[in-house]
Amino acid sequence: MLASGDPLFVVVPDPVNLSETAGVDPGEAAAISLAWIHRDVATLIIDDLDGRKLCAALGLNITGTAGVLVAAARAGLLDFDAAVSRLKATSFRLSSAVIAELRQRL
């Protein structure tokens, strides 16, 4: 459904209420529901552990912030270590072990 004035390329699907999303944050529930609608072509970027577990149970394709950084570094779009350093300066948490594992994927 398009609202008046929306660009023609913007399509806002009607929400799908998945009973499985009852235990996750409303924003994550909406993202998971949208990914469900487009499950054949979508990859959901999600970091919340409970949300990731639910996505796995639903068979959704997922990645996280760290996965996006790895993909961007592989594509030559950013310096992985500089990006991780900036990310660690925020409230985002990545263990040294996870960072080492991610470096192996580069």
Protein backbone atom coordinates (compact mmCIF):
# COMPACT_ATOMS: atom_id res chain seq x y z
CA MET A 1 0.00 0.00 0.00
CA LEU A 2 1.38 3.40 -0.98
CA ALA A 3 0.63 6.55 0.92
CA SER A 4 0.03 9.73 -0.99
CA GLY A 5 3.35 11.29 -1.90
CA ASP A 6 5.45 8.09 -1.42
CA PRO A 7 7.95 7.43 -4.22
CA LEU A 8 6.72 4.75 -6.60
CA PHE A 9 9.58 2.41 -5.67
CA VAL A 10 8.58 2.31 -2.00
CA VAL A 11 6.30 -0.58 -1.17
CA VAL A 12 5.10 -0.97 2.39
CA PRO A 13 3.65 -4.46 2.89
CA ASP A 14 0.84 -5.12 5.26
CA PRO A 15 2.26 -6.41 8.55
CA VAL A 16 2.31 -10.12 9.25
CA ASN A 17 1.77 -11.09 12.85
CA LEU A 18 3.94 -14.11 13.51
CA SER A 19 3.03 -15.68 16.83
CA GLU A 20 6.66 -16.78 17.19
CA THR A 21 7.78 -13.15 17.57
CA ALA A 22 5.77 -12.58 20.78
CA GLY A 23 8.87 -12.82 22.98
CA VAL A 24 11.11 -10.35 21.11
CA ASP A 25 11.31 -6.57 21.00
CA PRO A 26 8.55 -5.00 18.84
CA GLY A 27 11.08 -3.53 16.41
CA GLU A 28 12.79 -6.86 15.98
CA ALA A 29 9.41 -8.56 15.63
CA ALA A 30 8.54 -6.19 12.79
CA ALA A 31 11.89 -6.79 11.08
CA ILE A 32 11.54 -10.56 11.44
CA SER A 33 8.00 -10.40 10.07
CA LEU A 34 9.18 -8.38 7.07
CA ALA A 35 12.02 -10.84 6.48
CA TRP A 36 9.46 -13.65 6.66
CA ILE A 37 7.40 -12.03 3.91
CA HIS A 38 10.54 -11.85 1.71
CA ARG A 39 12.24 -14.99 3.04
CA ASP A 40 13.16 -16.28 -0.42
CA VAL A 41 15.32 -13.24 -1.19
CA ALA A 42 15.96 -11.38 2.08
CA THR A 43 18.84 -11.41 4.53
CA LEU A 44 17.97 -9.82 7.86
CA ILE A 45 20.66 -7.90 9.73
CA ILE A 46 20.04 -8.71 13.39
CA ASP A 47 22.34 -8.80 16.40
CA ASP A 48 19.97 -9.69 19.26
CA LEU A 49 20.65 -13.28 20.33
CA ASP A 50 17.01 -14.17 20.99
CA GLY A 51 16.02 -12.68 17.66
CA ARG A 52 18.80 -14.58 15.87
CA LYS A 53 17.68 -17.85 17.46
CA LEU A 54 14.12 -17.21 16.35
CA CYS A 55 15.27 -16.41 12.82
CA ALA A 56 17.25 -19.64 12.70
CA ALA A 57 14.19 -21.59 13.88
CA LEU A 58 12.14 -19.92 11.14
CA GLY A 59 14.79 -20.69 8.52
CA LEU A 60 15.47 -17.03 7.73
CA ASN A 61 18.75 -15.85 6.23
CA ILE A 62 20.51 -13.64 8.75
CA THR A 63 23.73 -11.78 9.35
CA GLY A 64 24.79 -9.34 12.02
CA THR A 65 26.68 -6.09 12.19
CA ALA A 66 29.95 -8.01 12.29
CA GLY A 67 28.94 -9.99 9.21
CA VAL A 68 28.23 -6.76 7.36
CA LEU A 69 31.69 -5.47 8.31
CA VAL A 70 33.33 -8.66 7.02
CA ALA A 71 31.41 -8.47 3.73
CA ALA A 72 32.29 -4.79 3.30
CA ALA A 73 35.97 -5.45 4.06
CA ARG A 74 36.04 -8.34 1.56
CA ALA A 75 34.57 -6.01 -1.05
CA GLY A 76 37.26 -3.42 -0.30
CA LEU A 77 34.76 -0.91 1.02
CA LEU A 78 36.32 -0.44 4.45
CA ASP A 79 39.29 -1.27 6.62
CA PHE A 80 38.11 -4.05 8.92
CA ASP A 81 40.33 -3.21 11.90
CA ALA A 82 39.49 0.50 11.74
CA ALA A 83 35.77 -0.31 11.55
CA VAL A 84 35.98 -2.72 14.50
CA SER A 85 37.91 -0.12 16.48
CA ARG A 86 35.19 2.46 15.86
CA LEU A 87 32.48 -0.07 16.68
CA LYS A 88 34.16 -1.02 19.96
CA ALA A 89 34.11 2.68 20.95
CA THR A 90 30.31 2.41 21.11
CA SER A 91 28.14 0.26 23.35
CA PHE A 92 28.34 -2.60 20.82
CA ARG A 93 30.10 -5.64 22.26
CA LEU A 94 32.44 -7.98 20.38
CA SER A 95 34.79 -10.33 22.19
CA SER A 96 38.42 -10.69 21.13
CA ALA A 97 37.67 -14.30 20.17
CA VAL A 98 34.85 -13.22 17.86
CA ILE A 99 37.03 -10.53 16.29
CA ALA A 100 39.77 -13.11 15.67
CA GLU A 101 37.22 -15.44 14.06
CA LEU A 102 35.94 -12.64 11.88
CA ARG A 103 39.48 -11.77 10.72
CA GLN A 104 39.87 -15.37 9.53
CA ARG A 105 36.87 -14.86 7.23
CA LEU A 106 38.51 -11.94 5.43
